C-alpha atoms as a PDB file:
ATOM      1  CA  MET A   1      17.248   2.271  -4.643  1.00  0.00           C
ATOM      2  CA  LEU A   2      17.375  -1.478  -4.507  1.00  0.00           C
ATOM      3  CA  PHE A   3      21.177  -1.998  -5.044  1.00  0.00           C
ATOM      4  CA  PHE A   4      21.388   0.796  -1.976  1.00  0.00           C
ATOM      5  CA  ILE A   5      19.509  -1.282   0.239  1.00  0.00           C
ATOM      6  CA  LYS A   6      21.264  -4.452  -0.520  1.00  0.00           C
ATOM      7  CA  GLN A   7      24.506  -2.979  -0.295  1.00  0.00           C
ATOM      8  CA  HIS A   8      23.912  -0.877   3.160  1.00  0.00           C
ATOM      9  CA  GLU A   9      21.175  -3.018   4.770  1.00  0.00           C
ATOM     10  CA  PRO A  10      21.301  -6.557   3.493  1.00  0.00           C
ATOM     11  CA  GLU A  11      19.738  -8.195   6.315  1.00  0.00           C
ATOM     12  CA  LEU A  12      16.409  -6.398   5.318  1.00  0.00           C
ATOM     13  CA  LYS A  13      13.846  -8.380   3.695  1.00  0.00           C
ATOM     14  CA  GLY A  14      10.987  -7.147   1.439  1.00  0.00           C
ATOM     15  CA  PHE A  15      12.760  -4.753  -0.830  1.00  0.00           C
ATOM     16  CA  SER A  16      12.378  -6.492  -4.022  1.00  0.00           C
ATOM     17  CA  ASP A  17      12.048  -4.337  -7.227  1.00  0.00           C
ATOM     18  CA  LYS A  18       8.302  -5.452  -7.498  1.00  0.00           C
ATOM     19  CA  ASN A  19       7.771  -4.344  -3.947  1.00  0.00           C
ATOM     20  CA  LEU A  20       9.600  -0.973  -4.365  1.00  0.00           C
ATOM     21  CA  TRP A  21       7.306  -0.407  -7.328  1.00  0.00           C
ATOM     22  CA  ARG A  22       4.234  -0.971  -5.386  1.00  0.00           C
ATOM     23  CA  MET A  23       5.387   1.117  -2.434  1.00  0.00           C
ATOM     24  CA  LYS A  24       5.733   3.983  -4.854  1.00  0.00           C
ATOM     25  CA  GLN A  25       2.438   3.126  -6.405  1.00  0.00           C
ATOM     26  CA  PHE A  26       1.032   3.074  -2.895  1.00  0.00           C
ATOM     27  CA  TYR A  27       2.392   6.611  -2.053  1.00  0.00           C
ATOM     28  CA  GLU A  28       1.230   7.972  -5.119  1.00  0.00           C
ATOM     29  CA  THR A  29      -2.282   6.517  -4.973  1.00  0.00           C
ATOM     30  CA  TYR A  30      -2.912   7.797  -1.297  1.00  0.00           C
ATOM     31  CA  ARG A  31      -0.893  10.907  -0.954  1.00  0.00           C
ATOM     32  CA  SER A  32      -3.617  13.275  -1.594  1.00  0.00           C
ATOM     33  CA  SER A  33      -6.484  11.872   0.561  1.00  0.00           C
ATOM     34  CA  GLU A  34      -6.298  12.287   4.158  1.00  0.00           C
ATOM     35  CA  ARG A  35      -9.289  10.079   4.663  1.00  0.00           C
ATOM     36  CA  LEU A  36      -7.973   7.105   2.566  1.00  0.00           C
ATOM     37  CA  SER A  37      -4.565   7.674   4.127  1.00  0.00           C
ATOM     38  CA  ALA A  38      -5.899   6.942   7.688  1.00  0.00           C
ATOM     39  CA  LEU A  39      -7.779   4.085   6.417  1.00  0.00           C
ATOM     40  CA  THR A  40      -4.833   2.309   4.967  1.00  0.00           C
ATOM     41  CA  ARG A  41      -3.182   2.602   8.259  1.00  0.00           C
ATOM     42  CA  GLU A  42      -5.258   0.110   9.687  1.00  0.00           C
ATOM     43  CA  LEU A  43      -5.071  -2.430   6.937  1.00  0.00           C
ATOM     44  CA  SER A  44      -2.696  -4.907   5.966  1.00  0.00           C
ATOM     45  CA  TRP A  45      -0.132  -4.674   3.256  1.00  0.00           C
ATOM     46  CA  THR A  46      -1.729  -7.432   1.393  1.00  0.00           C
ATOM     47  CA  ASN A  47      -5.301  -5.740   1.817  1.00  0.00           C
ATOM     48  CA  ASN A  48      -3.879  -2.510   0.589  1.00  0.00           C
ATOM     49  CA  VAL A  49      -2.119  -3.665  -2.421  1.00  0.00           C
ATOM     50  CA  LEU A  50      -5.485  -5.654  -3.325  1.00  0.00           C
ATOM     51  CA  ILE A  51      -7.220  -2.476  -2.972  1.00  0.00           C
ATOM     52  CA  PHE A  52      -5.073   0.206  -5.036  1.00  0.00           C
ATOM     53  CA  SER A  53      -4.588  -2.822  -7.818  1.00  0.00           C
ATOM     54  CA  ARG A  54      -7.977  -3.438  -8.216  1.00  0.00           C
ATOM     55  CA  THR A  55      -9.893  -0.237  -8.135  1.00  0.00           C
ATOM     56  CA  LYS A  56      -9.758   3.024 -10.262  1.00  0.00           C
ATOM     57  CA  THR A  57     -11.489   5.754  -8.242  1.00  0.00           C
ATOM     58  CA  ILE A  58     -11.181   7.234  -4.406  1.00  0.00           C
ATOM     59  CA  GLU A  59     -14.565   6.363  -3.979  1.00  0.00           C
ATOM     60  CA  ALA A  60     -14.122   2.599  -4.606  1.00  0.00           C
ATOM     61  CA  ARG A  61     -10.864   2.449  -2.594  1.00  0.00           C
ATOM     62  CA  ALA A  62     -12.894   4.103   0.468  1.00  0.00           C
ATOM     63  CA  SER A  63     -15.618   1.554  -0.080  1.00  0.00           C
ATOM     64  CA  TRP A  64     -13.363  -1.434   0.107  1.00  0.00           C
ATOM     65  CA  SER A  65     -11.052   0.012   2.847  1.00  0.00           C
ATOM     66  CA  VAL A  66     -14.281   0.419   4.914  1.00  0.00           C
ATOM     67  CA  GLU A  67     -15.504  -3.165   3.765  1.00  0.00           C
ATOM     68  CA  PHE A  68     -12.146  -4.931   4.684  1.00  0.00           C
ATOM     69  CA  LEU A  69     -12.027  -3.002   8.016  1.00  0.00           C
ATOM     70  CA  SER A  70     -15.551  -4.208   9.152  1.00  0.00           C
ATOM     71  CA  ARG A  71     -14.627  -7.634   8.340  1.00  0.00           C
ATOM     72  CA  GLY A  72     -11.707  -7.399  10.740  1.00  0.00           C
ATOM     73  CA  SER A  73      -9.271  -7.975   7.742  1.00  0.00           C
END
């Protein structure tokens, strides 16, 4: 996918192999939870990466998402 993007849209940034892996991980983490999916849309990409890389359960992810949002992060 990375090579396809670089070949067809060379001006696009942010599609490194590491970021593509994180995007896949993000999708797999949140695809089954409508509530978390809605919360993640309100958070920055950085905060989302922090949450899904450092938590293991849906409950913890929801708690941290709400915490970040309440702080205005």
